[in-house]
């Protein structure tokens, strides 16, 4: 089976810490989310709004 290419890649870097998401768009308008090399267990699929909300929450939690 060939590897899926990401339709969307988001990387946030703060204070030498990095958070990356690779998202593959499904046929129903939601995205399957990968964190690093594995699929996300916490949020396996989400809308674009939910993805950016997750990234914002991570950035707010970082010390700095």
N, C-alpha and C. Protein backbone atom coordinates (compact mmCIF):
# COMPACT_ATOMS: atom_id res chain seq x y z
N UNK A 1 0.85 -1.18 0.00
CA UNK A 1 0.00 0.00 0.00
C UNK A 1 0.89 1.24 0.00
N UNK A 2 0.67 2.20 -0.90
CA UNK A 2 1.51 3.40 -0.94
C UNK A 2 1.22 4.32 0.25
N UNK A 3 2.21 5.10 0.63
CA UNK A 3 2.06 6.05 1.73
C UNK A 3 1.14 7.19 1.30
N UNK A 4 0.35 7.68 2.24
CA UNK A 4 -0.53 8.81 1.97
C UNK A 4 0.26 10.10 2.07
N UNK A 5 0.05 11.00 1.14
CA UNK A 5 0.69 12.32 1.20
C UNK A 5 -0.20 13.24 2.00
N UNK A 6 0.42 14.11 2.80
CA UNK A 6 -0.33 15.06 3.61
C UNK A 6 -0.94 16.14 2.72
N UNK A 7 -2.19 16.47 3.01
CA UNK A 7 -2.84 17.58 2.33
C UNK A 7 -2.56 18.88 3.07
N UNK A 8 -2.24 18.77 4.35
CA UNK A 8 -2.02 19.94 5.20
C UNK A 8 -0.95 19.59 6.22
N UNK A 9 0.04 20.45 6.38
CA UNK A 9 1.07 20.24 7.39
C UNK A 9 1.19 21.52 8.21
N UNK A 10 1.09 21.38 9.52
CA UNK A 10 1.18 22.53 10.43
C UNK A 10 2.31 22.26 11.41
N UNK A 11 3.22 23.21 11.55
CA UNK A 11 4.31 23.11 12.51
C UNK A 11 4.35 24.39 13.32
N UNK A 12 4.31 24.26 14.63
CA UNK A 12 4.42 25.40 15.53
C UNK A 12 5.67 25.19 16.36
N UNK A 13 6.51 26.20 16.44
CA UNK A 13 7.73 26.12 17.23
C UNK A 13 7.75 27.28 18.22
N UNK A 14 7.91 26.94 19.50
CA UNK A 14 7.98 27.94 20.55
C UNK A 14 9.03 27.53 21.56
N UNK A 15 9.95 28.43 21.85
CA UNK A 15 10.96 28.19 22.88
C UNK A 15 11.67 26.85 22.70
N UNK A 16 12.10 26.58 21.50
CA UNK A 16 12.83 25.35 21.15
C UNK A 16 11.98 24.08 21.29
N UNK A 17 10.68 24.21 21.38
CA UNK A 17 9.77 23.07 21.39
C UNK A 17 8.97 23.11 20.12
N UNK A 18 8.65 21.94 19.59
CA UNK A 18 7.98 21.88 18.29
C UNK A 18 6.78 20.94 18.36
N UNK A 19 5.73 21.35 17.68
CA UNK A 19 4.49 20.58 17.58
C UNK A 19 4.15 20.49 16.10
N UNK A 20 4.00 19.31 15.57
CA UNK A 20 3.71 19.15 14.14
C UNK A 20 2.48 18.26 13.94
N UNK A 21 1.69 18.63 12.99
CA UNK A 21 0.54 17.83 12.58
C UNK A 21 0.60 17.63 11.08
N UNK A 22 0.34 16.44 10.63
CA UNK A 22 0.17 16.14 9.21
C UNK A 22 -1.26 15.67 9.05
N UNK A 23 -1.98 16.27 8.13
CA UNK A 23 -3.40 15.97 7.98
C UNK A 23 -3.69 15.50 6.56
N UNK A 24 -4.50 14.45 6.47
CA UNK A 24 -4.93 13.90 5.19
C UNK A 24 -6.44 14.10 5.11
N UNK A 25 -6.87 14.79 4.07
CA UNK A 25 -8.30 15.09 3.94
C UNK A 25 -9.07 13.86 3.50
N UNK A 26 -10.14 13.58 4.23
CA UNK A 26 -11.01 12.46 3.88
C UNK A 26 -12.10 12.91 2.93
N UNK A 27 -12.84 11.97 2.35
CA UNK A 27 -13.87 12.32 1.37
C UNK A 27 -15.08 13.04 1.97
N UNK A 28 -15.22 13.03 3.27
CA UNK A 28 -16.37 13.65 3.93
C UNK A 28 -16.05 15.04 4.48
N UNK A 29 -14.88 15.60 4.14
CA UNK A 29 -14.55 16.97 4.54
C UNK A 29 -13.82 17.10 5.85
N UNK A 30 -13.55 15.98 6.51
CA UNK A 30 -12.77 16.02 7.75
C UNK A 30 -11.36 15.55 7.44
N UNK A 31 -10.43 15.84 8.34
CA UNK A 31 -9.04 15.48 8.13
C UNK A 31 -8.64 14.38 9.11
N UNK A 32 -7.90 13.38 8.65
CA UNK A 32 -7.26 12.38 9.51
C UNK A 32 -5.96 13.01 9.97
N UNK A 33 -5.65 12.91 11.25
CA UNK A 33 -4.52 13.63 11.81
C UNK A 33 -3.42 12.68 12.25
N UNK A 34 -2.19 13.01 11.84
CA UNK A 34 -1.01 12.28 12.26
C UNK A 34 -0.16 13.22 13.09
N UNK A 35 0.36 12.71 14.19
CA UNK A 35 1.33 13.45 15.01
C UNK A 35 2.63 12.69 14.90
N UNK A 36 3.56 13.25 14.17
CA UNK A 36 4.81 12.55 13.92
C UNK A 36 4.57 11.40 12.97
N UNK A 37 4.94 10.20 13.36
CA UNK A 37 4.80 9.03 12.48
C UNK A 37 3.54 8.22 12.71
N UNK A 38 2.81 8.50 13.78
CA UNK A 38 1.63 7.70 14.08
C UNK A 38 0.37 8.56 14.03
N UNK A 39 -0.76 7.89 13.87
CA UNK A 39 -2.04 8.59 13.85
C UNK A 39 -2.37 9.06 15.26
N UNK A 40 -2.96 10.22 15.36
CA UNK A 40 -3.31 10.80 16.66
C UNK A 40 -4.38 9.94 17.34
N UNK A 41 -4.14 9.59 18.59
CA UNK A 41 -5.13 8.83 19.37
C UNK A 41 -6.14 9.78 20.00
N UNK A 42 -5.70 10.96 20.39
CA UNK A 42 -6.57 11.92 21.07
C UNK A 42 -7.60 12.51 20.11
N UNK A 43 -7.18 12.88 18.93
CA UNK A 43 -8.09 13.45 17.93
C UNK A 43 -7.80 12.77 16.59
N UNK A 44 -8.41 11.62 16.31
CA UNK A 44 -8.09 10.91 15.07
C UNK A 44 -8.56 11.62 13.81
N UNK A 45 -9.65 12.37 13.90
CA UNK A 45 -10.07 13.18 12.76
C UNK A 45 -10.75 14.44 13.28
N UNK A 46 -10.67 15.50 12.46
CA UNK A 46 -11.19 16.80 12.90
C UNK A 46 -11.44 17.69 11.69
N UNK A 47 -12.20 18.75 11.92
CA UNK A 47 -12.38 19.76 10.90
C UNK A 47 -11.20 20.71 10.94
N UNK A 48 -11.08 21.56 9.96
CA UNK A 48 -9.98 22.52 9.92
C UNK A 48 -10.02 23.45 11.13
N UNK A 49 -11.19 23.87 11.54
CA UNK A 49 -11.34 24.73 12.72
C UNK A 49 -10.84 24.02 13.97
N UNK A 50 -11.17 22.74 14.15
CA UNK A 50 -10.73 21.98 15.31
C UNK A 50 -9.21 21.79 15.31
N UNK A 51 -8.62 21.65 14.12
CA UNK A 51 -7.17 21.49 14.03
C UNK A 51 -6.47 22.75 14.51
N UNK A 52 -6.90 23.91 14.05
CA UNK A 52 -6.26 25.16 14.46
C UNK A 52 -6.52 25.46 15.94
N UNK A 53 -7.66 25.06 16.46
CA UNK A 53 -7.95 25.23 17.88
C UNK A 53 -7.00 24.38 18.73
N UNK A 54 -6.73 23.15 18.28
CA UNK A 54 -5.81 22.27 18.99
C UNK A 54 -4.40 22.88 19.00
N UNK A 55 -3.97 23.43 17.88
CA UNK A 55 -2.65 24.05 17.80
C UNK A 55 -2.56 25.27 18.71
N UNK A 56 -3.61 26.08 18.74
CA UNK A 56 -3.62 27.27 19.60
C UNK A 56 -3.53 26.88 21.07
N UNK A 57 -4.27 25.85 21.47
CA UNK A 57 -4.24 25.40 22.87
C UNK A 57 -2.84 24.92 23.25
N UNK A 58 -2.17 24.20 22.34
CA UNK A 58 -0.82 23.74 22.62
C UNK A 58 0.11 24.92 22.82
N UNK A 59 0.00 25.92 21.96
CA UNK A 59 0.88 27.08 22.03
C UNK A 59 0.66 27.86 23.33
N UNK A 60 -0.56 27.96 23.79
CA UNK A 60 -0.88 28.69 25.02
C UNK A 60 -0.31 27.96 26.24
N UNK A 61 -0.28 26.64 26.22
CA UNK A 61 0.19 25.85 27.36
C UNK A 61 1.71 25.91 27.54
N UNK A 62 2.45 26.30 26.50
CA UNK A 62 3.90 26.28 26.56
C UNK A 62 4.43 27.37 27.48
N UNK A 63 5.42 27.03 28.31
CA UNK A 63 6.02 28.06 29.18
C UNK A 63 6.78 29.07 28.34
N UNK A 64 6.77 30.29 28.79
CA UNK A 64 7.57 31.18 28.00
C UNK A 64 7.40 32.59 28.22
